[in-house]
Amino acid sequence: MNQKKGLRIGLTVLSVLGAVMSMPLVMFSPMMFDAPGSEENILTQFLFFSVLAFPVLCLAGGILPWVFRRHQLGIWLYALSGLAIGLLVSAFVLLDVMCSGDFSC
């Protein structure tokens, strides 16, 4: 097995595991809107949609590189999983900095 194929398999396993392990977070994400006034907070909405997009982007980042494996730049589709992590971290940081961690500010 060449090194590039081993890298693809490892990154696919990590992407799919990230998508599967994020399911409890997705299931409990509507509870972010339990606090009064949190449904109008744009940062809470950003966090909510980041949590919803996380497993979708991770699965896309795990499957699309195999679909486009003949294309020279197909390996860069694994960056979709990194984008999902970046969105989630930035949403958490923004909510923590701007609203002191409260869902309604």
Protein backbone atom coordinates (compact mmCIF):
# COMPACT_ATOMS: atom_id res chain seq x y z
CA MET A 1 0.00 0.00 0.00
CA ASN A 2 1.46 3.32 -0.96
CA GLN A 3 1.67 6.19 1.47
CA LYS A 4 -1.03 8.30 -0.19
CA LYS A 5 -3.62 5.51 0.03
CA GLY A 6 -2.82 4.94 3.71
CA LEU A 7 -3.24 8.66 4.34
CA ARG A 8 -6.61 8.60 2.58
CA ILE A 9 -7.82 5.65 4.65
CA GLY A 10 -6.70 7.24 7.91
CA LEU A 11 -8.29 10.59 7.13
CA THR A 12 -11.52 8.89 6.07
CA VAL A 13 -11.69 6.94 9.32
CA LEU A 14 -11.11 10.14 11.32
CA SER A 15 -13.77 12.02 9.36
CA VAL A 16 -16.40 9.31 9.76
CA LEU A 17 -15.59 8.90 13.46
CA GLY A 18 -15.96 12.65 13.92
CA ALA A 19 -19.37 12.56 12.25
CA VAL A 20 -20.57 9.60 14.33
CA MET A 21 -19.28 11.00 17.61
CA SER A 22 -20.95 14.37 17.01
CA MET A 23 -24.44 12.87 16.90
CA PRO A 24 -25.20 13.37 20.64
CA LEU A 25 -24.19 17.02 20.25
CA VAL A 26 -26.55 17.34 17.29
CA MET A 27 -29.41 15.67 19.18
CA PHE A 28 -29.15 18.08 22.10
CA SER A 29 -28.46 21.22 20.07
CA PRO A 30 -32.10 22.45 20.07
CA MET A 31 -31.80 22.85 23.84
CA MET A 32 -29.59 25.88 23.23
CA PHE A 33 -32.77 27.82 22.60
CA ASP A 34 -34.32 27.05 26.02
CA ALA A 35 -33.00 30.26 27.58
CA PRO A 36 -35.36 33.22 27.21
CA GLY A 37 -34.22 35.49 24.40
CA SER A 38 -31.76 33.00 22.94
CA GLU A 39 -33.80 32.50 19.77
CA GLU A 40 -33.03 36.10 18.72
CA ASN A 41 -29.29 35.82 19.42
CA ILE A 42 -27.38 35.55 16.16
CA LEU A 43 -24.38 33.89 17.85
CA THR A 44 -26.56 31.13 19.28
CA GLN A 45 -28.01 30.57 15.83
CA PHE A 46 -24.50 30.47 14.36
CA LEU A 47 -23.49 27.85 16.93
CA PHE A 48 -26.66 25.85 16.24
CA PHE A 49 -26.07 25.74 12.50
CA SER A 50 -22.37 24.99 13.01
CA VAL A 51 -23.32 21.99 15.15
CA LEU A 52 -25.80 20.83 12.50
CA ALA A 53 -23.26 21.25 9.70
CA PHE A 54 -20.50 19.38 11.54
CA PRO A 55 -21.52 15.77 10.74
CA VAL A 56 -22.53 16.69 7.19
CA LEU A 57 -19.19 18.31 6.44
CA CYS A 58 -17.29 15.47 8.13
CA LEU A 59 -19.11 12.86 6.06
CA ALA A 60 -18.59 14.87 2.89
CA GLY A 61 -14.93 15.23 3.80
CA GLY A 62 -14.69 11.47 4.21
CA ILE A 63 -16.60 10.38 1.11
CA LEU A 64 -15.88 12.99 -1.59
CA PRO A 65 -12.10 12.39 -1.72
CA TRP A 66 -12.82 8.77 -2.66
CA VAL A 67 -15.29 9.86 -5.34
CA PHE A 68 -12.72 12.25 -6.83
CA ARG A 69 -9.65 10.11 -6.13
CA ARG A 70 -8.52 10.27 -9.76
CA HIS A 71 -8.47 14.05 -9.66
CA GLN A 72 -5.14 15.50 -8.65
CA LEU A 73 -6.55 17.85 -6.01
CA GLY A 74 -9.12 15.39 -4.63
CA ILE A 75 -7.11 14.88 -1.44
CA TRP A 76 -7.84 18.51 -0.50
CA LEU A 77 -11.52 17.64 0.02
CA TYR A 78 -10.50 16.30 3.43
CA ALA A 79 -10.28 19.99 4.37
CA LEU A 80 -14.08 19.94 4.68
CA SER A 81 -13.63 18.18 8.01
CA GLY A 82 -11.21 20.90 9.06
CA LEU A 83 -13.73 23.51 7.98
CA ALA A 84 -16.33 21.85 10.21
CA ILE A 85 -13.97 21.95 13.17
CA GLY A 86 -13.09 25.58 12.44
CA LEU A 87 -16.75 26.62 12.27
CA LEU A 88 -17.56 24.90 15.55
CA VAL A 89 -14.55 26.31 17.40
CA SER A 90 -15.14 29.82 16.08
CA ALA A 91 -18.81 29.67 17.10
CA PHE A 92 -17.88 28.57 20.64
CA VAL A 93 -15.20 31.26 20.94
CA LEU A 94 -17.48 34.00 19.62
CA LEU A 95 -20.25 33.02 22.01
CA ASP A 96 -17.80 32.91 24.91
CA VAL A 97 -16.17 36.25 24.11
CA MET A 98 -19.22 38.26 23.05
CA CYS A 99 -21.83 36.84 25.43
CA SER A 100 -19.70 35.41 28.28
CA GLY A 101 -20.92 31.92 27.38
CA ASP A 102 -24.62 32.76 27.73
CA PHE A 103 -26.94 31.71 24.97
CA SER A 104 -29.07 34.81 25.50
CA CYS A 105 -27.22 38.09 25.60
